PDB file of N, CA and C in Angstrom:
ATOM      1  N   UNK A   1       0.817  -1.190   0.000  1.00  0.00           N
ATOM      2  CA  UNK A   1       0.000   0.000   0.000  1.00  0.00           C
ATOM      3  C   UNK A   1       0.862   1.256   0.000  1.00  0.00           C
ATOM      4  N   UNK A   2       2.099   1.140   0.489  1.00  0.00           N
ATOM      5  CA  UNK A   2       2.985   2.302   0.457  1.00  0.00           C
ATOM      6  C   UNK A   2       3.238   2.714  -0.980  1.00  0.00           C
ATOM      7  N   UNK A   3       3.485   1.748  -1.847  1.00  0.00           N
ATOM      8  CA  UNK A   3       3.756   2.058  -3.251  1.00  0.00           C
ATOM      9  C   UNK A   3       2.560   2.732  -3.923  1.00  0.00           C
ATOM     10  N   UNK A   4       1.382   2.316  -3.584  1.00  0.00           N
ATOM     11  CA  UNK A   4       0.181   2.835  -4.224  1.00  0.00           C
ATOM     12  C   UNK A   4      -0.172   4.232  -3.711  1.00  0.00           C
ATOM     13  N   UNK A   5       0.072   4.487  -2.430  1.00  0.00           N
ATOM     14  CA  UNK A   5      -0.350   5.741  -1.820  1.00  0.00           C
ATOM     15  C   UNK A   5       0.772   6.749  -1.619  1.00  0.00           C
ATOM     16  N   UNK A   6       1.949   6.507  -2.133  1.00  0.00           N
ATOM     17  CA  UNK A   6       3.089   7.398  -1.955  1.00  0.00           C
ATOM     18  C   UNK A   6       2.969   8.589  -2.894  1.00  0.00           C
ATOM     19  N   UNK A   7       2.570   9.733  -2.365  1.00  0.00           N
ATOM     20  CA  UNK A   7       2.364  10.925  -3.192  1.00  0.00           C
ATOM     21  C   UNK A   7       3.672  11.585  -3.605  1.00  0.00           C
ATOM     22  N   UNK A   8       4.768  11.257  -2.934  1.00  0.00           N
ATOM     23  CA  UNK A   8       6.041  11.877  -3.258  1.00  0.00           C
ATOM     24  C   UNK A   8       6.689  11.261  -4.503  1.00  0.00           C
ATOM     25  N   UNK A   9       6.296  10.057  -4.842  1.00  0.00           N
ATOM     26  CA  UNK A   9       6.943   9.364  -5.949  1.00  0.00           C
ATOM     27  C   UNK A   9       6.182   9.426  -7.261  1.00  0.00           C
ATOM     28  N   UNK A  10       4.921   9.789  -7.214  1.00  0.00           N
ATOM     29  CA  UNK A  10       4.105   9.714  -8.415  1.00  0.00           C
ATOM     30  C   UNK A  10       3.440  11.043  -8.726  1.00  0.00           C
ATOM     31  N   UNK A  11       3.150  11.225  -9.955  1.00  0.00           N
ATOM     32  CA  UNK A  11       2.360  12.371 -10.405  1.00  0.00           C
ATOM     33  C   UNK A  11       0.949  12.194  -9.839  1.00  0.00           C
ATOM     34  N   UNK A  12       0.389  13.209  -9.175  1.00  0.00           N
ATOM     35  CA  UNK A  12      -0.934  13.044  -8.560  1.00  0.00           C
ATOM     36  C   UNK A  12      -2.051  12.730  -9.558  1.00  0.00           C
ATOM     37  N   UNK A  13      -1.825  12.975 -10.835  1.00  0.00           N
ATOM     38  CA  UNK A  13      -2.845  12.689 -11.836  1.00  0.00           C
ATOM     39  C   UNK A  13      -2.797  11.249 -12.339  1.00  0.00           C
ATOM     40  N   UNK A  14      -1.770  10.522 -11.967  1.00  0.00           N
ATOM     41  CA  UNK A  14      -1.612   9.146 -12.426  1.00  0.00           C
ATOM     42  C   UNK A  14      -2.352   8.212 -11.472  1.00  0.00           C
ATOM     43  N   UNK A  15      -3.092   7.272 -12.021  1.00  0.00           N
ATOM     44  CA  UNK A  15      -3.789   6.268 -11.218  1.00  0.00           C
ATOM     45  C   UNK A  15      -2.874   5.053 -11.107  1.00  0.00           C
ATOM     46  N   UNK A  16      -2.528   4.700  -9.886  1.00  0.00           N
ATOM     47  CA  UNK A  16      -1.615   3.588  -9.640  1.00  0.00           C
ATOM     48  C   UNK A  16      -2.404   2.424  -9.063  1.00  0.00           C
ATOM     49  N   UNK A  17      -2.205   1.251  -9.617  1.00  0.00           N
ATOM     50  CA  UNK A  17      -2.895   0.047  -9.155  1.00  0.00           C
ATOM     51  C   UNK A  17      -1.884  -0.891  -8.503  1.00  0.00           C
ATOM     52  N   UNK A  18      -2.319  -1.640  -7.512  1.00  0.00           N
ATOM     53  CA  UNK A  18      -1.440  -2.567  -6.794  1.00  0.00           C
ATOM     54  C   UNK A  18      -0.893  -3.653  -7.717  1.00  0.00           C
ATOM     55  N   UNK A  19      -1.611  -3.990  -8.777  1.00  0.00           N
ATOM     56  CA  UNK A  19      -1.166  -5.034  -9.696  1.00  0.00           C
ATOM     57  C   UNK A  19       0.193  -4.704 -10.323  1.00  0.00           C
ATOM     58  N   UNK A  20       0.500  -3.431 -10.444  1.00  0.00           N
ATOM     59  CA  UNK A  20       1.791  -3.023 -11.008  1.00  0.00           C
ATOM     60  C   UNK A  20       2.948  -3.415 -10.090  1.00  0.00           C
ATOM     61  N   UNK A  21       2.673  -3.636  -8.819  1.00  0.00           N
ATOM     62  CA  UNK A  21       3.724  -3.919  -7.854  1.00  0.00           C
ATOM     63  C   UNK A  21       3.695  -5.352  -7.328  1.00  0.00           C
ATOM     64  N   UNK A  22       2.778  -6.171  -7.794  1.00  0.00           N
ATOM     65  CA  UNK A  22       2.673  -7.538  -7.294  1.00  0.00           C
ATOM     66  C   UNK A  22       3.946  -8.334  -7.502  1.00  0.00           C
ATOM     67  N   UNK A  23       4.617  -8.130  -8.604  1.00  0.00           N
ATOM     68  CA  UNK A  23       5.857  -8.848  -8.890  1.00  0.00           C
ATOM     69  C   UNK A  23       6.927  -8.517  -7.856  1.00  0.00           C
ATOM     70  N   UNK A  24       7.121  -7.247  -7.579  1.00  0.00           N
ATOM     71  CA  UNK A  24       8.140  -6.814  -6.625  1.00  0.00           C
ATOM     72  C   UNK A  24       7.786  -7.285  -5.215  1.00  0.00           C
ATOM     73  N   UNK A  25       6.543  -7.141  -4.832  1.00  0.00           N
ATOM     74  CA  UNK A  25       6.112  -7.567  -3.500  1.00  0.00           C
ATOM     75  C   UNK A  25       6.294  -9.072  -3.345  1.00  0.00           C
ATOM     76  N   UNK A  26       5.923  -9.826  -4.346  1.00  0.00           N
ATOM     77  CA  UNK A  26       6.052 -11.274  -4.292  1.00  0.00           C
ATOM     78  C   UNK A  26       7.482 -11.747  -4.192  1.00  0.00           C
ATOM     79  N   UNK A  27       8.408 -11.036  -4.808  1.00  0.00           N
ATOM     80  CA  UNK A  27       9.815 -11.428  -4.757  1.00  0.00           C
ATOM     81  C   UNK A  27      10.472 -11.091  -3.424  1.00  0.00           C
ATOM     82  N   UNK A  28       9.990 -10.061  -2.735  1.00  0.00           N
ATOM     83  CA  UNK A  28      10.688  -9.589  -1.546  1.00  0.00           C
ATOM     84  C   UNK A  28       9.997  -9.900  -0.233  1.00  0.00           C
ATOM     85  N   UNK A  29       8.749 -10.331  -0.265  1.00  0.00           N
ATOM     86  CA  UNK A  29       8.047 -10.662   0.976  1.00  0.00           C
ATOM     87  C   UNK A  29       7.932 -12.160   1.087  1.00  0.00           C
ATOM     88  N   UNK A  30       8.495 -12.697   2.148  1.00  0.00           N
ATOM     89  CA  UNK A  30       8.409 -14.132   2.388  1.00  0.00           C
ATOM     90  C   UNK A  30       7.877 -14.350   3.797  1.00  0.00           C
ATOM     91  N   UNK A  31       6.816 -15.102   3.913  1.00  0.00           N
ATOM     92  CA  UNK A  31       6.258 -15.410   5.219  1.00  0.00           C
ATOM     93  C   UNK A  31       6.774 -16.769   5.653  1.00  0.00           C
ATOM     94  N   UNK A  32       7.432 -16.846   6.818  1.00  0.00           N
ATOM     95  CA  UNK A  32       7.967 -18.129   7.280  1.00  0.00           C
ATOM     96  C   UNK A  32       6.848 -19.100   7.652  1.00  0.00           C
ATOM     97  N   UNK A  33       7.146 -20.400   7.557  1.00  0.00           N
ATOM     98  CA  UNK A  33       6.116 -21.401   7.856  1.00  0.00           C
ATOM     99  C   UNK A  33       5.694 -21.357   9.324  1.00  0.00           C
ATOM    100  N   UNK A  34       6.589 -20.859  10.213  1.00  0.00           N
ATOM    101  CA  UNK A  34       6.246 -20.750  11.627  1.00  0.00           C
ATOM    102  C   UNK A  34       5.294 -19.591  11.891  1.00  0.00           C
ATOM    103  N   UNK A  35       5.201 -18.668  10.949  1.00  0.00           N
ATOM    104  CA  UNK A  35       4.385 -17.476  11.118  1.00  0.00           C
ATOM    105  C   UNK A  35       5.256 -16.288  11.484  1.00  0.00           C
ATOM    106  N   UNK A  36       4.832 -15.119  11.096  1.00  0.00           N
ATOM    107  CA  UNK A  36       5.605 -13.925  11.405  1.00  0.00           C
ATOM    108  C   UNK A  36       5.696 -13.739  12.916  1.00  0.00           C
ATOM    109  N   UNK A  37       6.895 -13.527  13.400  1.00  0.00           N
ATOM    110  CA  UNK A  37       7.120 -13.331  14.820  1.00  0.00           C
ATOM    111  C   UNK A  37       7.524 -14.588  15.557  1.00  0.00           C
ATOM    112  N   UNK A  38       7.447 -15.725  14.914  1.00  0.00           N
ATOM    113  CA  UNK A  38       7.781 -16.995  15.571  1.00  0.00           C
ATOM    114  C   UNK A  38       8.965 -17.695  14.929  1.00  0.00           C
ATOM    115  N   UNK A  39       9.717 -16.998  14.090  1.00  0.00           N
ATOM    116  CA  UNK A  39      10.789 -17.645  13.339  1.00  0.00           C
ATOM    117  C   UNK A  39      12.187 -17.294  13.840  1.00  0.00           C
ATOM    118  N   UNK A  40      12.296 -16.564  14.953  1.00  0.00           N
ATOM    119  CA  UNK A  40      13.574 -16.207  15.567  1.00  0.00           C
ATOM    120  C   UNK A  40      14.502 -15.424  14.643  1.00  0.00           C
ATOM    121  N   UNK A  41      13.942 -14.579  13.801  1.00  0.00           N
ATOM    122  CA  UNK A  41      14.746 -13.672  12.988  1.00  0.00           C
ATOM    123  C   UNK A  41      14.898 -12.349  13.744  1.00  0.00           C
ATOM    124  N   UNK A  42      15.801 -11.470  13.293  1.00  0.00           N
ATOM    125  CA  UNK A  42      15.974 -10.189  13.984  1.00  0.00           C
ATOM    126  C   UNK A  42      14.704  -9.337  14.051  1.00  0.00           C
ATOM    127  N   UNK A  43      13.769  -9.538  13.159  1.00  0.00           N
ATOM    128  CA  UNK A  43      12.549  -8.736  13.154  1.00  0.00           C
ATOM    129  C   UNK A  43      11.380  -9.426  13.860  1.00  0.00           C
ATOM    130  N   UNK A  44      11.615 -10.566  14.466  1.00  0.00           N
ATOM    131  CA  UNK A  44      10.529 -11.308  15.114  1.00  0.00           C
ATOM    132  C   UNK A  44       9.849 -10.497  16.200  1.00  0.00           C
ATOM    133  N   UNK A  45      10.633  -9.789  17.006  1.00  0.00           N
ATOM    134  CA  UNK A  45      10.034  -9.007  18.093  1.00  0.00           C
ATOM    135  C   UNK A  45       9.090  -7.937  17.561  1.00  0.00           C
ATOM    136  N   UNK A  46       9.423  -7.368  16.391  1.00  0.00           N
ATOM    137  CA  UNK A  46       8.559  -6.345  15.802  1.00  0.00           C
ATOM    138  C   UNK A  46       7.205  -6.944  15.420  1.00  0.00           C
ATOM    139  N   UNK A  47       7.216  -8.118  14.770  1.00  0.00           N
ATOM    140  CA  UNK A  47       5.961  -8.740  14.347  1.00  0.00           C
ATOM    141  C   UNK A  47       5.126  -9.159  15.539  1.00  0.00           C
ATOM    142  N   UNK A  48       5.782  -9.680  16.605  1.00  0.00           N
ATOM    143  CA  UNK A  48       5.026 -10.063  17.802  1.00  0.00           C
ATOM    144  C   UNK A  48       4.387  -8.848  18.452  1.00  0.00           C
ATOM    145  N   UNK A  49       5.111  -7.733  18.483  1.00  0.00           N
ATOM    146  CA  UNK A  49       4.573  -6.502  19.075  1.00  0.00           C
ATOM    147  C   UNK A  49       3.409  -5.958  18.252  1.00  0.00           C
ATOM    148  N   UNK A  50       3.503  -5.991  16.943  1.00  0.00           N
ATOM    149  CA  UNK A  50       2.415  -5.533  16.096  1.00  0.00           C
ATOM    150  C   UNK A  50       1.173  -6.411  16.243  1.00  0.00           C
ATOM    151  N   UNK A  51       1.415  -7.689  16.410  1.00  0.00           N
ATOM    152  CA  UNK A  51       0.298  -8.637  16.516  1.00  0.00           C
ATOM    153  C   UNK A  51      -0.417  -8.492  17.862  1.00  0.00           C
ATOM    154  N   UNK A  52       0.359  -8.322  18.946  1.00  0.00           N
ATOM    155  CA  UNK A  52      -0.224  -8.200  20.297  1.00  0.00           C
ATOM    156  C   UNK A  52       0.506  -7.108  21.054  1.00  0.00           C
ATOM    157  N   UNK A  53       0.115  -5.859  20.845  1.00  0.00           N
ATOM    158  CA  UNK A  53       0.861  -4.734  21.450  1.00  0.00           C
ATOM    159  C   UNK A  53       0.809  -4.676  22.970  1.00  0.00           C
ATOM    160  N   UNK A  54      -0.169  -5.287  23.615  1.00  0.00           N
ATOM    161  CA  UNK A  54      -0.278  -5.217  25.079  1.00  0.00           C
ATOM    162  C   UNK A  54       0.577  -6.249  25.789  1.00  0.00           C
ATOM    163  N   UNK A  55       1.073  -7.239  25.055  1.00  0.00           N
ATOM    164  CA  UNK A  55       1.923  -8.261  25.680  1.00  0.00           C
ATOM    165  C   UNK A  55       3.319  -7.711  25.898  1.00  0.00           C
ATOM    166  N   UNK A  56       3.959  -8.168  26.969  1.00  0.00           N
ATOM    167  CA  UNK A  56       5.340  -7.764  27.234  1.00  0.00           C
ATOM    168  C   UNK A  56       6.279  -8.468  26.249  1.00  0.00           C
ATOM    169  N   UNK A  57       7.385  -7.797  25.922  1.00  0.00           N
ATOM    170  CA  UNK A  57       8.359  -8.398  25.029  1.00  0.00           C
ATOM    171  C   UNK A  57       9.094  -9.494  25.768  1.00  0.00           C
TER     172      UNK A  57
END
C-alpha cells in the first residue's frame, strides 16, 4: 500500500494500481512457515509486538 499511496513518488494525476507492484512484492516478501514473529529472525520481536501490542516483550 505504500507504493500505491506514496504521493512523493508519483504524479498526482496518475492512477496507480497494486497489480503493477505484485511482482516486486512477491519477490521480496516471504512469510515463514512458523508465522511472522515466531521464526527467531531479527525482526521477530517487531511482528510479535504488532500482533499483540499489550503483551510484554
